[in-house]
Amino acid sequence: QVHLVESGGGLVQAGGSLRLSCVASGISSTLYRMGWFRQAPGKQRDLVASITGGRPINDLDSVKDRFTISRGNARNTVYLQMNSLKPEDTAVYYCAAQTDPFDSWKYWGQGTQVTVSS
């Protein structure tokens, strides 16, 4: 069973930065795709950014020039560097993974809270 663990969330002032980390365990092969979602209270869960192999995609227009997703050197590790944070970035951020191109977002982390104060 694949297990994802996020870390790096917290409270930051507007304009600040945070780096989220996600480590996957329980799988010996490289995950096909890893990504970051976020969900604010009362809102739907949105895909923020994803990375397939070495190709990153910023899926959310509002973060395209501020957030960067990357893979770590360790297998099945992914980061989300968040710069110039805004109060509207406040949400629970979830790491998710797919094992192959035909799979859905099958595996999820427990989420990490990011709060941006104005």
N, C-alpha and C. Protein backbone atom coordinates (compact mmCIF):
# COMPACT_ATOMS: atom_id res chain seq x y z
N GLN A 1 0.84 -1.18 0.00
CA GLN A 1 0.00 0.00 0.00
C GLN A 1 0.89 1.25 0.00
N VAL A 2 0.61 2.15 -0.94
CA VAL A 2 1.37 3.39 -1.03
C VAL A 2 0.90 4.35 0.06
N HIS A 3 1.85 4.94 0.72
CA HIS A 3 1.55 5.87 1.82
C HIS A 3 2.27 7.18 1.54
N LEU A 4 1.50 8.29 1.52
CA LEU A 4 2.07 9.61 1.25
C LEU A 4 2.04 10.45 2.53
N VAL A 5 3.15 11.11 2.81
CA VAL A 5 3.23 11.96 3.98
C VAL A 5 3.73 13.34 3.57
N GLU A 6 2.91 14.36 3.88
CA GLU A 6 3.28 15.74 3.58
C GLU A 6 3.88 16.41 4.81
N SER A 7 4.67 17.43 4.55
CA SER A 7 5.20 18.26 5.63
C SER A 7 5.52 19.64 5.06
N GLY A 8 5.72 20.59 5.95
CA GLY A 8 6.15 21.92 5.52
C GLY A 8 5.10 23.00 5.59
N GLY A 9 3.87 22.65 5.94
CA GLY A 9 2.85 23.67 6.05
C GLY A 9 3.06 24.52 7.29
N GLY A 10 2.25 25.56 7.41
CA GLY A 10 2.36 26.42 8.58
C GLY A 10 1.71 27.76 8.36
N LEU A 11 2.03 28.69 9.24
CA LEU A 11 1.49 30.05 9.19
C LEU A 11 2.58 30.98 8.66
N VAL A 12 2.23 31.78 7.68
CA VAL A 12 3.19 32.71 7.08
C VAL A 12 2.48 34.00 6.73
N GLN A 13 3.20 35.09 6.75
CA GLN A 13 2.61 36.38 6.36
C GLN A 13 2.54 36.50 4.85
N ALA A 14 1.63 37.30 4.38
CA ALA A 14 1.50 37.54 2.94
C ALA A 14 2.84 38.02 2.38
N GLY A 15 3.20 37.48 1.23
CA GLY A 15 4.48 37.80 0.61
C GLY A 15 5.58 36.82 0.97
N GLY A 16 5.34 35.98 1.94
CA GLY A 16 6.34 35.02 2.38
C GLY A 16 6.35 33.76 1.52
N SER A 17 7.18 32.82 1.95
CA SER A 17 7.36 31.57 1.20
C SER A 17 7.26 30.37 2.12
N LEU A 18 6.85 29.27 1.53
CA LEU A 18 6.85 27.97 2.21
C LEU A 18 7.25 26.92 1.19
N ARG A 19 7.82 25.84 1.69
CA ARG A 19 8.14 24.70 0.83
C ARG A 19 7.50 23.46 1.43
N LEU A 20 6.59 22.89 0.64
CA LEU A 20 5.94 21.65 1.05
C LEU A 20 6.72 20.45 0.50
N SER A 21 6.74 19.40 1.29
CA SER A 21 7.40 18.17 0.88
C SER A 21 6.42 17.01 0.98
N CYS A 22 6.61 16.04 0.11
CA CYS A 22 5.79 14.83 0.14
C CYS A 22 6.69 13.64 -0.16
N VAL A 23 6.62 12.66 0.71
CA VAL A 23 7.41 11.45 0.53
C VAL A 23 6.45 10.26 0.45
N ALA A 24 6.63 9.45 -0.57
CA ALA A 24 5.81 8.26 -0.75
C ALA A 24 6.60 7.03 -0.33
N SER A 25 5.94 6.12 0.35
CA SER A 25 6.55 4.86 0.75
C SER A 25 5.61 3.72 0.38
N GLY A 26 6.14 2.49 0.47
CA GLY A 26 5.31 1.33 0.19
C GLY A 26 5.26 0.94 -1.27
N ILE A 27 6.16 1.51 -2.07
CA ILE A 27 6.22 1.17 -3.48
C ILE A 27 7.67 1.17 -3.93
N SER A 28 8.06 0.15 -4.71
CA SER A 28 9.45 0.02 -5.10
C SER A 28 9.75 0.69 -6.44
N SER A 29 8.72 0.97 -7.22
CA SER A 29 8.92 1.62 -8.52
C SER A 29 8.65 3.11 -8.40
N THR A 30 9.00 3.83 -9.45
CA THR A 30 8.76 5.27 -9.47
C THR A 30 7.31 5.56 -9.81
N LEU A 31 6.66 6.37 -9.02
CA LEU A 31 5.29 6.76 -9.29
C LEU A 31 5.22 7.53 -10.60
N TYR A 32 4.20 7.22 -11.39
CA TYR A 32 4.07 7.83 -12.71
C TYR A 32 3.89 9.34 -12.61
N ARG A 33 3.04 9.76 -11.71
CA ARG A 33 2.70 11.18 -11.61
C ARG A 33 2.43 11.52 -10.15
N MET A 34 2.94 12.65 -9.73
CA MET A 34 2.66 13.15 -8.39
C MET A 34 2.17 14.58 -8.50
N GLY A 35 1.35 14.97 -7.57
CA GLY A 35 0.79 16.31 -7.65
C GLY A 35 0.38 16.86 -6.30
N TRP A 36 0.05 18.15 -6.32
CA TRP A 36 -0.43 18.86 -5.15
C TRP A 36 -1.82 19.41 -5.44
N PHE A 37 -2.73 19.15 -4.53
CA PHE A 37 -4.07 19.71 -4.56
C PHE A 37 -4.20 20.63 -3.35
N ARG A 38 -5.22 21.48 -3.41
CA ARG A 38 -5.53 22.26 -2.22
C ARG A 38 -7.04 22.43 -2.10
N GLN A 39 -7.47 22.57 -0.86
CA GLN A 39 -8.89 22.75 -0.59
C GLN A 39 -9.07 23.75 0.53
N ALA A 40 -9.73 24.85 0.20
CA ALA A 40 -10.08 25.86 1.19
C ALA A 40 -11.45 25.52 1.77
N PRO A 41 -11.76 26.03 2.96
CA PRO A 41 -13.06 25.73 3.58
C PRO A 41 -14.21 26.11 2.67
N GLY A 42 -15.13 25.18 2.48
CA GLY A 42 -16.32 25.45 1.68
C GLY A 42 -16.09 25.45 0.18
N LYS A 43 -14.88 25.10 -0.25
CA LYS A 43 -14.57 25.11 -1.68
C LYS A 43 -14.17 23.71 -2.14
N GLN A 44 -14.16 23.53 -3.45
CA GLN A 44 -13.77 22.24 -4.00
C GLN A 44 -12.27 22.07 -3.92
N ARG A 45 -11.84 20.84 -4.06
CA ARG A 45 -10.42 20.54 -4.07
C ARG A 45 -9.89 20.76 -5.48
N ASP A 46 -8.88 21.58 -5.61
CA ASP A 46 -8.31 21.93 -6.92
C ASP A 46 -6.90 21.37 -7.07
N LEU A 47 -6.59 20.95 -8.29
CA LEU A 47 -5.23 20.53 -8.60
C LEU A 47 -4.38 21.79 -8.79
N VAL A 48 -3.32 21.90 -8.02
CA VAL A 48 -2.45 23.07 -8.07
C VAL A 48 -1.34 22.87 -9.09
N ALA A 49 -0.66 21.76 -8.99
CA ALA A 49 0.46 21.47 -9.89
C ALA A 49 0.73 19.98 -9.86
N SER A 50 1.29 19.49 -10.95
CA SER A 50 1.61 18.07 -11.03
C SER A 50 2.91 17.88 -11.80
N ILE A 51 3.49 16.72 -11.64
CA ILE A 51 4.73 16.43 -12.34
C ILE A 51 4.71 14.97 -12.78
N THR A 52 4.98 14.79 -14.08
CA THR A 52 5.00 13.47 -14.68
C THR A 52 6.41 13.21 -15.18
N GLY A 53 7.07 12.24 -14.63
CA GLY A 53 8.48 12.08 -14.92
C GLY A 53 9.19 13.33 -14.45
N GLY A 54 9.83 14.03 -15.35
CA GLY A 54 10.48 15.27 -14.99
C GLY A 54 9.76 16.50 -15.48
N ARG A 55 8.56 16.33 -16.00
CA ARG A 55 7.82 17.45 -16.60
C ARG A 55 6.80 18.04 -15.63
N PRO A 56 7.08 19.25 -15.16
CA PRO A 56 6.13 19.89 -14.25
C PRO A 56 5.04 20.64 -15.00
N ILE A 57 3.89 20.67 -14.44
CA ILE A 57 2.77 21.43 -14.99
C ILE A 57 2.11 22.19 -13.85
N ASN A 58 1.97 23.50 -14.02
CA ASN A 58 1.19 24.30 -13.08
C ASN A 58 -0.24 24.31 -13.59
N ASP A 59 -1.11 23.66 -12.88
CA ASP A 59 -2.47 23.48 -13.34
C ASP A 59 -3.41 24.61 -12.92
N LEU A 60 -3.01 25.42 -11.98
CA LEU A 60 -3.86 26.47 -11.46
C LEU A 60 -3.29 27.81 -11.89
N ASP A 61 -4.06 28.55 -12.67
CA ASP A 61 -3.58 29.82 -13.22
C ASP A 61 -3.12 30.79 -12.14
N SER A 62 -3.82 30.82 -11.04
CA SER A 62 -3.53 31.83 -10.00
C SER A 62 -2.19 31.63 -9.31
N VAL A 63 -1.54 30.47 -9.54
CA VAL A 63 -0.26 30.24 -8.87
C VAL A 63 0.88 30.08 -9.86
N LYS A 64 0.62 30.21 -11.13
CA LYS A 64 1.61 29.84 -12.15
C LYS A 64 2.94 30.56 -12.01
N ASP A 65 2.95 31.79 -11.63
CA ASP A 65 4.21 32.53 -11.53
C ASP A 65 4.78 32.53 -10.12
N ARG A 66 4.13 31.79 -9.22
CA ARG A 66 4.54 31.85 -7.82
C ARG A 66 4.91 30.49 -7.24
N PHE A 67 4.29 29.44 -7.74
CA PHE A 67 4.53 28.11 -7.19
C PHE A 67 5.33 27.27 -8.20
N THR A 68 6.19 26.42 -7.67
CA THR A 68 6.98 25.54 -8.51
C THR A 68 6.97 24.14 -7.92
N ILE A 69 6.60 23.17 -8.74
CA ILE A 69 6.63 21.78 -8.32
C ILE A 69 7.90 21.14 -8.86
N SER A 70 8.48 20.24 -8.06
CA SER A 70 9.69 19.56 -8.50
C SER A 70 9.78 18.20 -7.82
N ARG A 71 10.51 17.33 -8.46
CA ARG A 71 10.79 16.02 -7.89
C ARG A 71 12.10 16.09 -7.09
N GLY A 72 12.17 15.34 -6.03
CA GLY A 72 13.40 15.27 -5.27
C GLY A 72 14.34 14.23 -5.85
N ASN A 73 15.57 14.24 -5.37
CA ASN A 73 16.53 13.25 -5.81
C ASN A 73 16.15 11.86 -5.31
N ALA A 74 15.55 11.81 -4.15
CA ALA A 74 15.08 10.52 -3.64
C ALA A 74 13.84 10.11 -4.43
N ARG A 75 13.72 8.84 -4.68
CA ARG A 75 12.59 8.33 -5.44
C ARG A 75 11.29 8.68 -4.74
N ASN A 76 10.31 9.09 -5.54
CA ASN A 76 8.95 9.33 -5.06
C ASN A 76 8.89 10.39 -3.96
N THR A 77 9.66 11.44 -4.20
CA THR A 77 9.59 12.63 -3.36
C THR A 77 9.24 13.82 -4.25
N VAL A 78 8.35 14.66 -3.77
CA VAL A 78 7.94 15.82 -4.55
C VAL A 78 7.84 17.02 -3.64
N TYR A 79 8.16 18.18 -4.19
CA TYR A 79 8.13 19.42 -3.44
C TYR A 79 7.20 20.43 -4.12
N LEU A 80 6.71 21.36 -3.33
CA LEU A 80 5.99 22.51 -3.87
C LEU A 80 6.57 23.75 -3.22
N GLN A 81 7.33 24.50 -4.00
CA GLN A 81 7.87 25.76 -3.52
C GLN A 81 6.86 26.85 -3.77
N MET A 82 6.44 27.51 -2.72
CA MET A 82 5.39 28.53 -2.81
C MET A 82 5.97 29.88 -2.41
N ASN A 83 6.01 30.80 -3.34
CA ASN A 83 6.54 32.14 -3.10
C ASN A 83 5.45 33.18 -3.24
N SER A 84 5.70 34.35 -2.71
CA SER A 84 4.75 35.48 -2.80
C SER A 84 3.35 35.03 -2.39
N LEU A 85 3.27 34.38 -1.27
CA LEU A 85 2.00 33.82 -0.82
C LEU A 85 0.99 34.91 -0.52
N LYS A 86 -0.27 34.59 -0.80
CA LYS A 86 -1.39 35.50 -0.60
C LYS A 86 -2.39 34.87 0.35
N PRO A 87 -3.18 35.69 1.02
CA PRO A 87 -4.20 35.11 1.92
C PRO A 87 -5.11 34.10 1.21
N GLU A 88 -5.38 34.31 -0.07
CA GLU A 88 -6.25 33.38 -0.79
C GLU A 88 -5.57 32.03 -1.07
N ASP A 89 -4.31 31.90 -0.76
CA ASP A 89 -3.64 30.60 -0.86
C ASP A 89 -3.89 29.74 0.37
N THR A 90 -4.53 30.30 1.37
CA THR A 90 -4.83 29.55 2.58
C THR A 90 -5.71 28.35 2.26
N ALA A 91 -5.26 27.17 2.66
CA ALA A 91 -5.98 25.94 2.35
C ALA A 91 -5.24 24.76 2.99
N VAL A 92 -5.89 23.62 2.95
CA VAL A 92 -5.19 22.37 3.24
C VAL A 92 -4.62 21.87 1.92
N TYR A 93 -3.34 21.58 1.92
CA TYR A 93 -2.66 21.11 0.73
C TYR A 93 -2.43 19.61 0.84
N TYR A 94 -2.82 18.90 -0.23
CA TYR A 94 -2.73 17.45 -0.26
C TYR A 94 -1.76 17.01 -1.35
N CYS A 95 -0.97 16.03 -1.02
CA CYS A 95 -0.14 15.36 -2.01
C CYS A 95 -0.92 14.15 -2.53
N ALA A 96 -0.79 13.88 -3.83
CA ALA A 96 -1.49 12.76 -4.43
C ALA A 96 -0.59 12.10 -5.48
N ALA A 97 -0.92 10.86 -5.81
CA ALA A 97 -0.07 10.14 -6.76
C ALA A 97 -0.87 9.19 -7.62
N GLN A 98 -0.33 8.99 -8.83
CA GLN A 98 -0.85 7.99 -9.76
C GLN A 98 0.27 6.99 -10.04
N THR A 99 -0.12 5.73 -10.23
CA THR A 99 0.90 4.72 -10.49
C THR A 99 1.10 4.47 -11.98
N ASP A 100 0.13 4.82 -12.81
CA ASP A 100 0.31 4.64 -14.24
C ASP A 100 -0.59 5.64 -14.98
N PRO A 101 -0.41 5.79 -16.31
CA PRO A 101 -1.17 6.81 -17.06
C PRO A 101 -2.68 6.60 -17.07
N PHE A 102 -3.11 5.38 -16.81
CA PHE A 102 -4.53 5.07 -16.89
C PHE A 102 -5.21 5.09 -15.52
N ASP A 103 -4.43 5.46 -14.53
CA ASP A 103 -4.92 5.45 -13.16
C ASP A 103 -5.47 6.82 -12.80
N SER A 104 -6.36 6.85 -11.85
CA SER A 104 -6.82 8.12 -11.30
C SER A 104 -5.83 8.52 -10.20
N TRP A 105 -6.12 9.64 -9.56
CA TRP A 105 -5.33 10.02 -8.39
C TRP A 105 -5.72 9.05 -7.27
N LYS A 106 -4.96 7.98 -7.20
CA LYS A 106 -5.35 6.85 -6.37
C LYS A 106 -4.89 7.00 -4.92
N TYR A 107 -3.75 7.63 -4.72
CA TYR A 107 -3.17 7.70 -3.39
C TYR A 107 -3.11 9.15 -2.91
N TRP A 108 -3.43 9.34 -1.64
CA TRP A 108 -3.52 10.68 -1.07
C TRP A 108 -2.82 10.74 0.27
N GLY A 109 -2.22 11.90 0.54
CA GLY A 109 -1.69 12.16 1.86
C GLY A 109 -2.78 12.69 2.78
N GLN A 110 -2.41 12.94 4.01
CA GLN A 110 -3.40 13.39 5.00
C GLN A 110 -3.63 14.89 4.94
N GLY A 111 -2.77 15.60 4.23
CA GLY A 111 -2.93 17.04 4.09
C GLY A 111 -2.09 17.82 5.09
N THR A 112 -1.69 19.01 4.67
CA THR A 112 -0.96 19.92 5.56
C THR A 112 -1.56 21.32 5.42
N GLN A 113 -1.79 21.96 6.55
CA GLN A 113 -2.45 23.26 6.54
C GLN A 113 -1.45 24.36 6.20
N VAL A 114 -1.86 25.21 5.27
CA VAL A 114 -1.12 26.43 4.95
C VAL A 114 -2.02 27.61 5.24
N THR A 115 -1.58 28.50 6.09
CA THR A 115 -2.35 29.69 6.43
C THR A 115 -1.52 30.92 6.15
N VAL A 116 -2.06 31.82 5.34
CA VAL A 116 -1.35 33.04 4.97
C VAL A 116 -2.11 34.22 5.58
N SER A 117 -1.45 34.94 6.44
CA SER A 117 -2.08 36.08 7.10
C SER A 117 -1.82 37.37 6.31
N SER A 118 -2.78 38.27 6.39
CA SER A 118 -2.65 39.53 5.64
C SER A 118 -1.94 40.59 6.46
